[in-house]
Amino acid sequence: MRWMLLLICLLAGLAQALDYQLQPRQLAEGVWLVEGSIDNFATDNGGNIVNVGFIETADGVVVIDSGPSRRYGEALRQSIEKSTGKAVVRVLLTHHHPDHALGNQAFAGVPIAALAETTRLLAEQGDAMAENMYRLVGDWMRGTEVVLPSEEVQEGTLEIGGRRLQLLALRGHTGADLAILDERTGVLFAGDILFYQRALTTPNSPGLDVWQADLDRLEALPWRQIVPGHGPVTTDAAPFVQMRDYLDWLDGLLRQGAEQGAEMNELIRAPIPERFAQVNLSRYELIRSVSHLYPRYERSAMGRVDRQD
């Protein structure tokens, strides 16, 4: 009997330890944020490193991203219903990366919508990303499986329950990136086109020039508050300034390295400018970005030997 009580206590302690303890806060009328850490995936945060949003409408709640695990998605859905007293009627995915889309299981019976290319990428890469998340955060991922979107969205205006959401189809981060502007309040959910005070990630980026063009489109919108995919909310253009500066520096580093025939190992040890000292994970993400992007710069610098005179 004693061992059964001990087992029950251990299981109860584990369940409590794996509690995301989500605390939604209201940014504007009917617009909410669940803010994630700006750290990397770890067992102490359960992969909760992403900013997730939700918007109330007369018909119910629209969720922006589902989070990194089934457990997170379940906690999110409970938090939404507790905060608003309304049911979830739609989930919009900004892109396919695991911290944004592996909570889909928790929204059974709810339409999950994404850009067509996001669905393709999740189908192609989702299982491998989920396996990697299991390795990174362990038990937080138990029971998590990839669930693909059930609907396709395109750029334009989405009207739900008297709320108009402006949808932008962008490409800079993954090749398929959805940004959402709530026209009533001016809250812009930029997804991972914007990182702020946290170094950007580049595993699927089609190019830093494409990313810069996306920033131009976003900044031109009539926003009042900016919710980056990772990092604190702002009411000014600081995330755009930081992102452009970082992208310019990274592009220049890679371009100059390729022109000079530098080895990849040289670039990952390059000094990081002092102005980025407070940007979390700068060194870690520089190493990853060099591995993701530098071969492309090298090919461009070398040219085609079969076309030379």
C-alpha atoms as a PDB file:
ATOM      1  CA  MET A   1       0.000   0.000   0.000  1.00  0.00           C
ATOM      2  CA  ARG A   2       2.841   2.329   0.877  1.00  0.00           C
ATOM      3  CA  TRP A   3       4.453   1.934  -2.552  1.00  0.00           C
ATOM      4  CA  MET A   4       1.156   2.863  -4.206  1.00  0.00           C
ATOM      5  CA  LEU A   5       0.959   6.072  -2.189  1.00  0.00           C
ATOM      6  CA  LEU A   6       4.555   6.832  -3.076  1.00  0.00           C
ATOM      7  CA  LEU A   7       3.829   6.271  -6.775  1.00  0.00           C
ATOM      8  CA  ILE A   8       0.772   8.524  -6.621  1.00  0.00           C
ATOM      9  CA  CYS A   9       2.847  11.252  -4.959  1.00  0.00           C
ATOM     10  CA  LEU A  10       5.575  10.930  -7.565  1.00  0.00           C
ATOM     11  CA  LEU A  11       3.092  11.129 -10.427  1.00  0.00           C
ATOM     12  CA  ALA A  12       1.363  14.128  -8.863  1.00  0.00           C
ATOM     13  CA  GLY A  13       4.722  15.846  -8.418  1.00  0.00           C
ATOM     14  CA  LEU A  14       5.646  15.165 -12.043  1.00  0.00           C
ATOM     15  CA  ALA A  15       2.315  16.530 -13.296  1.00  0.00           C
ATOM     16  CA  GLN A  16       2.818  19.686 -11.235  1.00  0.00           C
ATOM     17  CA  ALA A  17       6.401  20.051 -12.491  1.00  0.00           C
ATOM     18  CA  LEU A  18       5.183  19.844 -16.099  1.00  0.00           C
ATOM     19  CA  ASP A  19       2.741  22.725 -15.730  1.00  0.00           C
ATOM     20  CA  TYR A  20       3.296  25.569 -18.193  1.00  0.00           C
ATOM     21  CA  GLN A  21       1.455  27.983 -15.875  1.00  0.00           C
ATOM     22  CA  LEU A  22       0.400  30.184 -18.773  1.00  0.00           C
ATOM     23  CA  GLN A  23      -0.649  33.700 -17.856  1.00  0.00           C
ATOM     24  CA  PRO A  24      -2.393  35.516 -20.710  1.00  0.00           C
ATOM     25  CA  ARG A  25      -2.368  39.307 -20.563  1.00  0.00           C
ATOM     26  CA  GLN A  26      -4.614  41.653 -22.471  1.00  0.00           C
ATOM     27  CA  LEU A  27      -2.855  43.998 -24.896  1.00  0.00           C
ATOM     28  CA  ALA A  28      -5.913  45.795 -26.259  1.00  0.00           C
ATOM     29  CA  GLU A  29      -9.661  45.345 -26.527  1.00  0.00           C
ATOM     30  CA  GLY A  30     -10.180  41.630 -27.094  1.00  0.00           C
ATOM     31  CA  VAL A  31      -6.505  40.959 -27.929  1.00  0.00           C
ATOM     32  CA  TRP A  32      -4.376  38.772 -25.677  1.00  0.00           C
ATOM     33  CA  LEU A  33      -0.777  37.601 -25.468  1.00  0.00           C
ATOM     34  CA  VAL A  34       0.862  34.567 -23.877  1.00  0.00           C
ATOM     35  CA  GLU A  35       4.507  35.576 -23.766  1.00  0.00           C
ATOM     36  CA  GLY A  36       7.275  33.004 -23.994  1.00  0.00           C
ATOM     37  CA  SER A  37      10.883  32.996 -22.835  1.00  0.00           C
ATOM     38  CA  ILE A  38      13.618  34.455 -25.049  1.00  0.00           C
ATOM     39  CA  ASP A  39      15.899  31.557 -24.105  1.00  0.00           C
ATOM     40  CA  ASN A  40      16.547  28.420 -26.133  1.00  0.00           C
ATOM     41  CA  PHE A  41      14.555  25.188 -25.871  1.00  0.00           C
ATOM     42  CA  ALA A  42      15.262  23.564 -22.501  1.00  0.00           C
ATOM     43  CA  THR A  43      13.747  21.145 -20.020  1.00  0.00           C
ATOM     44  CA  ASP A  44      13.103  23.983 -17.586  1.00  0.00           C
ATOM     45  CA  ASN A  45      10.878  25.886 -20.034  1.00  0.00           C
ATOM     46  CA  GLY A  46       9.285  22.954 -21.866  1.00  0.00           C
ATOM     47  CA  GLY A  47       9.904  24.654 -25.196  1.00  0.00           C
ATOM     48  CA  ASN A  48       7.780  27.646 -24.203  1.00  0.00           C
ATOM     49  CA  ILE A  49       9.885  30.214 -26.052  1.00  0.00           C
ATOM     50  CA  VAL A  50       7.221  31.612 -28.372  1.00  0.00           C
ATOM     51  CA  ASN A  51       4.726  34.472 -28.244  1.00  0.00           C
ATOM     52  CA  VAL A  52       1.219  33.108 -28.797  1.00  0.00           C
ATOM     53  CA  GLY A  53      -1.808  35.347 -29.230  1.00  0.00           C
ATOM     54  CA  PHE A  54      -5.568  35.137 -29.299  1.00  0.00           C
ATOM     55  CA  ILE A  55      -8.289  37.518 -30.410  1.00  0.00           C
ATOM     56  CA  GLU A  56     -11.900  37.593 -29.251  1.00  0.00           C
ATOM     57  CA  THR A  57     -14.687  37.910 -31.804  1.00  0.00           C
ATOM     58  CA  ALA A  58     -18.470  37.748 -31.559  1.00  0.00           C
ATOM     59  CA  ASP A  59     -18.304  34.155 -32.825  1.00  0.00           C
ATOM     60  CA  GLY A  60     -15.484  32.959 -30.565  1.00  0.00           C
ATOM     61  CA  VAL A  61     -11.725  33.158 -30.254  1.00  0.00           C
ATOM     62  CA  VAL A  62      -9.081  33.128 -32.994  1.00  0.00           C
ATOM     63  CA  VAL A  63      -5.767  31.681 -31.810  1.00  0.00           C
ATOM     64  CA  ILE A  64      -2.455  32.673 -33.359  1.00  0.00           C
ATOM     65  CA  ASP A  65      -0.080  29.684 -33.114  1.00  0.00           C
ATOM     66  CA  SER A  66      -0.617  26.618 -30.936  1.00  0.00           C
ATOM     67  CA  GLY A  67       2.715  26.299 -29.140  1.00  0.00           C
ATOM     68  CA  PRO A  68       5.442  23.645 -28.812  1.00  0.00           C
ATOM     69  CA  SER A  69       3.597  20.568 -27.508  1.00  0.00           C
ATOM     70  CA  ARG A  70       0.239  18.941 -26.945  1.00  0.00           C
ATOM     71  CA  ARG A  71       0.533  19.765 -23.235  1.00  0.00           C
ATOM     72  CA  TYR A  72       1.116  23.433 -24.068  1.00  0.00           C
ATOM     73  CA  GLY A  73      -1.825  23.495 -26.472  1.00  0.00           C
ATOM     74  CA  GLU A  74      -4.107  22.001 -23.835  1.00  0.00           C
ATOM     75  CA  ALA A  75      -2.979  24.572 -21.269  1.00  0.00           C
ATOM     76  CA  LEU A  76      -3.449  27.333 -23.837  1.00  0.00           C
ATOM     77  CA  ARG A  77      -6.985  26.270 -24.690  1.00  0.00           C
ATOM     78  CA  GLN A  78      -7.927  26.155 -21.004  1.00  0.00           C
ATOM     79  CA  SER A  79      -6.372  29.596 -20.429  1.00  0.00           C
ATOM     80  CA  ILE A  80      -8.283  31.060 -23.359  1.00  0.00           C
ATOM     81  CA  GLU A  81     -11.638  29.781 -22.150  1.00  0.00           C
ATOM     82  CA  LYS A  82     -10.894  30.951 -18.603  1.00  0.00           C
ATOM     83  CA  SER A  83      -9.781  34.419 -19.765  1.00  0.00           C
ATOM     84  CA  THR A  84     -12.557  35.068 -22.272  1.00  0.00           C
ATOM     85  CA  GLY A  85     -15.418  32.704 -21.443  1.00  0.00           C
ATOM     86  CA  LYS A  86     -15.520  31.897 -25.168  1.00  0.00           C
ATOM     87  CA  ALA A  87     -14.699  28.846 -27.252  1.00  0.00           C
ATOM     88  CA  VAL A  88     -11.926  28.703 -29.827  1.00  0.00           C
ATOM     89  CA  VAL A  89     -13.287  28.858 -33.387  1.00  0.00           C
ATOM     90  CA  ARG A  90     -10.115  29.082 -35.466  1.00  0.00           C
ATOM     91  CA  VAL A  91      -6.357  28.567 -35.163  1.00  0.00           C
ATOM     92  CA  LEU A  92      -4.007  30.468 -37.470  1.00  0.00           C
ATOM     93  CA  LEU A  93      -0.434  29.213 -37.799  1.00  0.00           C
ATOM     94  CA  THR A  94       2.213  31.800 -38.633  1.00  0.00           C
ATOM     95  CA  HIS A  95       4.621  29.097 -39.866  1.00  0.00           C
ATOM     96  CA  HIS A  96       5.600  25.453 -39.461  1.00  0.00           C
ATOM     97  CA  HIS A  97       8.379  25.561 -36.862  1.00  0.00           C
ATOM     98  CA  PRO A  98       7.829  23.287 -33.843  1.00  0.00           C
ATOM     99  CA  ASP A  99       7.438  25.962 -31.161  1.00  0.00           C
ATOM    100  CA  HIS A 100       4.548  27.428 -33.170  1.00  0.00           C
ATOM    101  CA  ALA A 101       2.719  24.358 -34.477  1.00  0.00           C
ATOM    102  CA  LEU A 102       3.137  21.268 -32.280  1.00  0.00           C
ATOM    103  CA  GLY A 103       0.262  22.232 -29.995  1.00  0.00           C
ATOM    104  CA  ASN A 104      -2.251  21.568 -32.786  1.00  0.00           C
ATOM    105  CA  GLN A 105      -3.474  18.322 -31.202  1.00  0.00           C
ATOM    106  CA  ALA A 106      -5.139  20.268 -28.408  1.00  0.00           C
ATOM    107  CA  PHE A 107      -7.504  21.933 -30.875  1.00  0.00           C
ATOM    108  CA  ALA A 108      -9.362  18.877 -32.130  1.00  0.00           C
ATOM    109  CA  GLY A 109     -12.614  19.907 -33.762  1.00  0.00           C
ATOM    110  CA  VAL A 110     -11.341  23.423 -34.493  1.00  0.00           C
ATOM    111  CA  PRO A 111     -10.294  24.495 -38.012  1.00  0.00           C
ATOM    112  CA  ILE A 112      -6.533  25.037 -38.156  1.00  0.00           C
ATOM    113  CA  ALA A 113      -5.517  27.301 -41.017  1.00  0.00           C
ATOM    114  CA  ALA A 114      -2.152  28.115 -42.587  1.00  0.00           C
ATOM    115  CA  LEU A 115      -0.530  29.122 -45.835  1.00  0.00           C
ATOM    116  CA  ALA A 116      -0.362  26.222 -48.289  1.00  0.00           C
ATOM    117  CA  GLU A 117       3.438  26.103 -48.164  1.00  0.00           C
ATOM    118  CA  THR A 118       3.358  26.026 -44.359  1.00  0.00           C
ATOM    119  CA  THR A 119       1.253  22.864 -44.505  1.00  0.00           C
ATOM    120  CA  ARG A 120       3.635  21.302 -47.005  1.00  0.00           C
ATOM    121  CA  LEU A 121       6.667  22.126 -44.872  1.00  0.00           C
ATOM    122  CA  LEU A 122       5.015  20.795 -41.716  1.00  0.00           C
ATOM    123  CA  ALA A 123       4.152  17.554 -43.503  1.00  0.00           C
ATOM    124  CA  GLU A 124       7.727  17.272 -44.759  1.00  0.00           C
ATOM    125  CA  GLN A 125       9.631  18.306 -41.630  1.00  0.00           C
ATOM    126  CA  GLY A 126       7.185  17.932 -38.760  1.00  0.00           C
ATOM    127  CA  ASP A 127       8.058  14.436 -37.561  1.00  0.00           C
ATOM    128  CA  ALA A 128      11.788  15.195 -37.510  1.00  0.00           C
ATOM    129  CA  MET A 129      11.188  18.459 -35.657  1.00  0.00           C
ATOM    130  CA  ALA A 130       8.996  16.680 -33.093  1.00  0.00           C
ATOM    131  CA  GLU A 131      11.687  14.058 -32.513  1.00  0.00           C
ATOM    132  CA  ASN A 132      14.248  16.795 -31.974  1.00  0.00           C
ATOM    133  CA  MET A 133      11.927  18.528 -29.493  1.00  0.00           C
ATOM    134  CA  TYR A 134      11.633  15.278 -27.541  1.00  0.00           C
ATOM    135  CA  ARG A 135      15.423  15.247 -27.252  1.00  0.00           C
ATOM    136  CA  LEU A 136      15.564  18.898 -26.189  1.00  0.00           C
ATOM    137  CA  VAL A 137      12.732  19.154 -23.658  1.00  0.00           C
ATOM    138  CA  GLY A 138      11.948  15.555 -22.719  1.00  0.00           C
ATOM    139  CA  ASP A 139       8.742  14.712 -20.878  1.00  0.00           C
ATOM    140  CA  TRP A 140       7.019  17.975 -21.809  1.00  0.00           C
ATOM    141  CA  MET A 141       6.520  16.462 -25.261  1.00  0.00           C
ATOM    142  CA  ARG A 142       4.845  13.218 -24.161  1.00  0.00           C
ATOM    143  CA  GLY A 143       1.927  12.342 -26.413  1.00  0.00           C
ATOM    144  CA  THR A 144       2.727  15.086 -28.934  1.00  0.00           C
ATOM    145  CA  GLU A 145       2.174  14.226 -32.578  1.00  0.00           C
ATOM    146  CA  VAL A 146       2.137  16.321 -35.725  1.00  0.00           C
ATOM    147  CA  VAL A 147      -1.319  17.502 -36.798  1.00  0.00           C
ATOM    148  CA  LEU A 148      -1.506  19.238 -40.164  1.00  0.00           C
ATOM    149  CA  PRO A 149      -3.669  22.306 -40.843  1.00  0.00           C
ATOM    150  CA  SER A 150      -7.136  21.554 -42.141  1.00  0.00           C
ATOM    151  CA  GLU A 151      -7.627  24.812 -44.061  1.00  0.00           C
ATOM    152  CA  GLU A 152      -5.596  27.046 -46.354  1.00  0.00           C
ATOM    153  CA  VAL A 153      -5.449  30.817 -45.982  1.00  0.00           C
ATOM    154  CA  GLN A 154      -4.180  33.366 -48.424  1.00  0.00           C
ATOM    155  CA  GLU A 155      -3.157  36.981 -48.194  1.00  0.00           C
ATOM    156  CA  GLY A 156      -6.108  39.318 -47.743  1.00  0.00           C
ATOM    157  CA  THR A 157      -8.747  40.187 -45.181  1.00  0.00           C
ATOM    158  CA  LEU A 158     -10.259  37.548 -42.925  1.00  0.00           C
ATOM    159  CA  GLU A 159     -13.542  38.501 -41.236  1.00  0.00           C
ATOM    160  CA  ILE A 160     -14.676  36.508 -38.197  1.00  0.00           C
ATOM    161  CA  GLY A 161     -17.388  37.549 -35.773  1.00  0.00           C
ATOM    162  CA  GLY A 162     -17.225  41.236 -36.677  1.00  0.00           C
ATOM    163  CA  ARG A 163     -13.435  41.322 -36.484  1.00  0.00           C
ATOM    164  CA  ARG A 164     -11.306  42.129 -39.534  1.00  0.00           C
ATOM    165  CA  LEU A 165      -7.872  40.553 -39.610  1.00  0.00           C
ATOM    166  CA  GLN A 166      -5.416  41.583 -42.296  1.00  0.00           C
ATOM    167  CA  LEU A 167      -3.311  38.608 -43.383  1.00  0.00           C
ATOM    168  CA  LEU A 168       0.072  39.007 -45.048  1.00  0.00           C
ATOM    169  CA  ALA A 169       1.835  36.140 -46.821  1.00  0.00           C
ATOM    170  CA  LEU A 170       5.569  36.659 -46.318  1.00  0.00           C
ATOM    171  CA  ARG A 171       8.651  34.485 -46.942  1.00  0.00           C
ATOM    172  CA  GLY A 172      11.772  35.744 -45.181  1.00  0.00           C
ATOM    173  CA  HIS A 173      11.926  33.383 -42.210  1.00  0.00           C
ATOM    174  CA  THR A 174      10.773  30.036 -43.615  1.00  0.00           C
ATOM    175  CA  GLY A 175       9.545  30.652 -47.152  1.00  0.00           C
ATOM    176  CA  ALA A 176       5.944  30.701 -45.841  1.00  0.00           C
ATOM    177  CA  ASP A 177       5.296  33.194 -43.051  1.00  0.00           C
ATOM    178  CA  LEU A 178       1.924  34.579 -42.045  1.00  0.00           C
ATOM    179  CA  ALA A 179       1.578  37.924 -40.265  1.00  0.00           C
ATOM    180  CA  ILE A 180      -1.751  39.079 -38.795  1.00  0.00           C
ATOM    181  CA  LEU A 181      -2.885  42.644 -38.122  1.00  0.00           C
ATOM    182  CA  ASP A 182      -6.028  43.178 -36.041  1.00  0.00           C
ATOM    183  CA  GLU A 183      -7.505  46.212 -37.783  1.00  0.00           C
ATOM    184  CA  ARG A 184      -9.642  47.265 -34.807  1.00  0.00           C
ATOM    185  CA  THR A 185      -6.769  47.670 -32.343  1.00  0.00           C
ATOM    186  CA  GLY A 186      -3.710  47.876 -34.559  1.00  0.00           C
ATOM    187  CA  VAL A 187      -2.011  44.943 -32.831  1.00  0.00           C
ATOM    188  CA  LEU A 188       0.374  43.282 -35.274  1.00  0.00           C
ATOM    189  CA  PHE A 189       1.290  39.642 -34.753  1.00  0.00           C
ATOM    190  CA  ALA A 190       4.443  39.533 -36.857  1.00  0.00           C
ATOM    191  CA  GLY A 191       5.371  35.901 -36.289  1.00  0.00           C
ATOM    192  CA  ASP A 192       9.052  35.136 -36.709  1.00  0.00           C
ATOM    193  CA  ILE A 193       9.567  37.787 -39.329  1.00  0.00           C
ATOM    194  CA  LEU A 194      10.325  39.830 -36.200  1.00  0.00           C
ATOM    195  CA  PHE A 195      12.625  38.783 -33.385  1.00  0.00           C
ATOM    196  CA  TYR A 196      13.393  41.346 -30.677  1.00  0.00           C
ATOM    197  CA  GLN A 197      16.112  41.092 -28.025  1.00  0.00           C
ATOM    198  CA  ARG A 198      16.516  37.481 -29.145  1.00  0.00           C
ATOM    199  CA  ALA A 199      18.722  36.464 -32.078  1.00  0.00           C
ATOM    200  CA  LEU A 200      16.858  35.384 -35.189  1.00  0.00           C
ATOM    201  CA  THR A 201      16.892  31.850 -36.582  1.00  0.00           C
ATOM    202  CA  THR A 202      17.524  31.018 -40.223  1.00  0.00           C
ATOM    203  CA  PRO A 203      17.102  27.265 -40.955  1.00  0.00           C
ATOM    204  CA  ASN A 204      14.540  27.734 -43.744  1.00  0.00           C
ATOM    205  CA  SER A 205      15.179  31.312 -44.849  1.00  0.00           C
ATOM    206  CA  PRO A 206      15.184  31.828 -48.631  1.00  0.00           C
ATOM    207  CA  GLY A 207      17.544  34.792 -48.178  1.00  0.00           C
ATOM    208  CA  LEU A 208      18.243  37.804 -45.995  1.00  0.00           C
ATOM    209  CA  ASP A 209      17.242  40.147 -48.825  1.00  0.00           C
ATOM    210  CA  VAL A 210      13.799  38.531 -48.898  1.00  0.00           C
ATOM    211  CA  TRP A 211      13.570  39.026 -45.132  1.00  0.00           C
ATOM    212  CA  GLN A 212      14.445  42.719 -45.449  1.00  0.00           C
ATOM    213  CA  ALA A 213      11.681  43.199 -48.015  1.00  0.00           C
ATOM    214  CA  ASP A 214       9.189  41.563 -45.634  1.00  0.00           C
ATOM    215  CA  LEU A 215      10.203  44.012 -42.901  1.00  0.00           C
ATOM    216  CA  ASP A 216       9.400  46.896 -45.250  1.00  0.00           C
ATOM    217  CA  ARG A 217       5.906  45.521 -45.833  1.00  0.00           C
ATOM    218  CA  LEU A 218       5.233  44.979 -42.149  1.00  0.00           C
ATOM    219  CA  GLU A 219       6.489  48.340 -40.992  1.00  0.00           C
ATOM    220  CA  ALA A 220       4.278  50.115 -43.535  1.00  0.00           C
ATOM    221  CA  LEU A 221       1.124  48.689 -41.923  1.00  0.00           C
ATOM    222  CA  PRO A 222      -0.988  50.889 -39.591  1.00  0.00           C
ATOM    223  CA  TRP A 223       0.120  49.052 -36.437  1.00  0.00           C
ATOM    224  CA  ARG A 224      -0.054  50.429 -32.896  1.00  0.00           C
ATOM    225  CA  GLN A 225       1.541  47.524 -31.040  1.00  0.00           C
ATOM    226  CA  ILE A 226       3.998  44.947 -32.319  1.00  0.00           C
ATOM    227  CA  VAL A 227       4.063  41.350 -31.110  1.00  0.00           C
ATOM    228  CA  PRO A 228       7.263  39.706 -32.399  1.00  0.00           C
ATOM    229  CA  GLY A 229       7.434  35.948 -32.664  1.00  0.00           C
ATOM    230  CA  HIS A 230      10.048  36.051 -29.914  1.00  0.00           C
ATOM    231  CA  GLY A 231      10.742  38.917 -27.535  1.00  0.00           C
ATOM    232  CA  PRO A 232       8.895  41.742 -25.764  1.00  0.00           C
ATOM    233  CA  VAL A 233       5.923  43.666 -27.151  1.00  0.00           C
ATOM    234  CA  THR A 234       6.574  47.263 -28.201  1.00  0.00           C
ATOM    235  CA  THR A 235       4.619  50.316 -29.295  1.00  0.00           C
ATOM    236  CA  ASP A 236       7.497  51.715 -31.361  1.00  0.00           C
ATOM    237  CA  ALA A 237       9.618  50.588 -34.293  1.00  0.00           C
ATOM    238  CA  ALA A 238      12.535  49.301 -32.187  1.00  0.00           C
ATOM    239  CA  PRO A 239      12.138  45.667 -33.369  1.00  0.00           C
ATOM    240  CA  PHE A 240      12.344  46.774 -37.005  1.00  0.00           C
ATOM    241  CA  VAL A 241      15.451  48.846 -36.333  1.00  0.00           C
ATOM    242  CA  GLN A 242      17.182  45.995 -34.525  1.00  0.00           C
ATOM    243  CA  MET A 243      16.185  43.387 -37.106  1.00  0.00           C
ATOM    244  CA  ARG A 244      17.383  45.453 -40.085  1.00  0.00           C
ATOM    245  CA  ASP A 245      20.648  46.252 -38.351  1.00  0.00           C
ATOM    246  CA  TYR A 246      21.284  42.605 -37.471  1.00  0.00           C
ATOM    247  CA  LEU A 247      20.366  41.348 -40.944  1.00  0.00           C
ATOM    248  CA  ASP A 248      22.645  43.948 -42.569  1.00  0.00           C
ATOM    249  CA  TRP A 249      25.521  42.929 -40.297  1.00  0.00           C
ATOM    250  CA  LEU A 250      24.967  39.202 -40.875  1.00  0.00           C
ATOM    251  CA  ASP A 251      24.700  39.670 -44.645  1.00  0.00           C
ATOM    252  CA  GLY A 252      27.889  41.744 -44.704  1.00  0.00           C
ATOM    253  CA  LEU A 253      29.770  39.203 -42.595  1.00  0.00           C
ATOM    254  CA  LEU A 254      28.801  36.307 -44.853  1.00  0.00           C
ATOM    255  CA  ARG A 255      29.363  38.229 -48.078  1.00  0.00           C
ATOM    256  CA  GLN A 256      32.796  39.492 -47.070  1.00  0.00           C
ATOM    257  CA  GLY A 257      33.771  36.050 -45.810  1.00  0.00           C
ATOM    258  CA  ALA A 258      32.818  34.436 -49.099  1.00  0.00           C
ATOM    259  CA  GLU A 259      34.684  37.066 -51.129  1.00  0.00           C
ATOM    260  CA  GLN A 260      37.824  36.506 -49.042  1.00  0.00           C
ATOM    261  CA  GLY A 261      37.531  32.718 -49.117  1.00  0.00           C
ATOM    262  CA  ALA A 262      37.067  32.434 -45.351  1.00  0.00           C
ATOM    263  CA  GLU A 263      36.346  29.080 -43.766  1.00  0.00           C
ATOM    264  CA  MET A 264      33.071  28.523 -41.961  1.00  0.00           C
ATOM    265  CA  ASN A 265      34.932  28.024 -38.679  1.00  0.00           C
ATOM    266  CA  GLU A 266      36.385  31.532 -38.986  1.00  0.00           C
ATOM    267  CA  LEU A 267      32.977  33.130 -39.369  1.00  0.00           C
ATOM    268  CA  ILE A 268      31.354  31.416 -36.419  1.00  0.00           C
ATOM    269  CA  ARG A 269      34.069  32.960 -34.234  1.00  0.00           C
ATOM    270  CA  ALA A 270      33.642  36.445 -35.692  1.00  0.00           C
ATOM    271  CA  PRO A 271      33.278  39.249 -33.118  1.00  0.00           C
ATOM    272  CA  ILE A 272      29.666  40.168 -32.449  1.00  0.00           C
ATOM    273  CA  PRO A 273      29.131  43.951 -32.455  1.00  0.00           C
ATOM    274  CA  GLU A 274      28.679  45.535 -29.047  1.00  0.00           C
ATOM    275  CA  ARG A 275      25.236  46.840 -30.025  1.00  0.00           C
ATOM    276  CA  PHE A 276      24.016  43.227 -30.154  1.00  0.00           C
ATOM    277  CA  ALA A 277      25.503  42.295 -26.782  1.00  0.00           C
ATOM    278  CA  GLN A 278      22.081  42.363 -25.117  1.00  0.00           C
ATOM    279  CA  VAL A 279      20.434  40.290 -27.851  1.00  0.00           C
ATOM    280  CA  ASN A 280      19.961  36.856 -26.328  1.00  0.00           C
ATOM    281  CA  LEU A 281      21.608  33.809 -27.980  1.00  0.00           C
ATOM    282  CA  SER A 282      23.580  35.909 -30.465  1.00  0.00           C
ATOM    283  CA  ARG A 283      26.604  33.603 -30.554  1.00  0.00           C
ATOM    284  CA  TYR A 284      24.515  30.433 -30.643  1.00  0.00           C
ATOM    285  CA  GLU A 285      22.377  31.660 -33.529  1.00  0.00           C
ATOM    286  CA  LEU A 286      25.372  33.061 -35.415  1.00  0.00           C
ATOM    287  CA  ILE A 287      26.881  29.566 -35.448  1.00  0.00           C
ATOM    288  CA  ARG A 288      23.620  28.129 -36.772  1.00  0.00           C
ATOM    289  CA  SER A 289      23.100  30.895 -39.341  1.00  0.00           C
ATOM    290  CA  VAL A 290      26.592  30.459 -40.751  1.00  0.00           C
ATOM    291  CA  SER A 291      25.921  26.742 -41.206  1.00  0.00           C
ATOM    292  CA  HIS A 292      22.542  27.446 -42.808  1.00  0.00           C
ATOM    293  CA  LEU A 293      23.468  30.323 -45.105  1.00  0.00           C
ATOM    294  CA  TYR A 294      27.202  30.454 -45.801  1.00  0.00           C
ATOM    295  CA  PRO A 295      27.304  27.745 -48.507  1.00  0.00           C
ATOM    296  CA  ARG A 296      24.904  29.878 -50.541  1.00  0.00           C
ATOM    297  CA  TYR A 297      27.215  32.895 -50.261  1.00  0.00           C
ATOM    298  CA  GLU A 298      30.227  30.773 -51.188  1.00  0.00           C
ATOM    299  CA  ARG A 299      28.502  29.493 -54.325  1.00  0.00           C
ATOM    300  CA  SER A 300      27.590  33.022 -55.326  1.00  0.00           C
ATOM    301  CA  ALA A 301      31.138  34.283 -54.808  1.00  0.00           C
ATOM    302  CA  MET A 302      32.721  31.412 -56.757  1.00  0.00           C
ATOM    303  CA  GLY A 303      30.491  31.724 -59.817  1.00  0.00           C
ATOM    304  CA  ARG A 304      30.273  29.098 -62.549  1.00  0.00           C
ATOM    305  CA  VAL A 305      33.620  27.842 -63.846  1.00  0.00           C
ATOM    306  CA  ASP A 306      31.926  26.438 -66.967  1.00  0.00           C
ATOM    307  CA  ARG A 307      30.890  29.976 -67.972  1.00  0.00           C
ATOM    308  CA  GLN A 308      34.291  31.576 -67.660  1.00  0.00           C
ATOM    309  CA  ASP A 309      36.216  32.526 -70.817  1.00  0.00           C
END
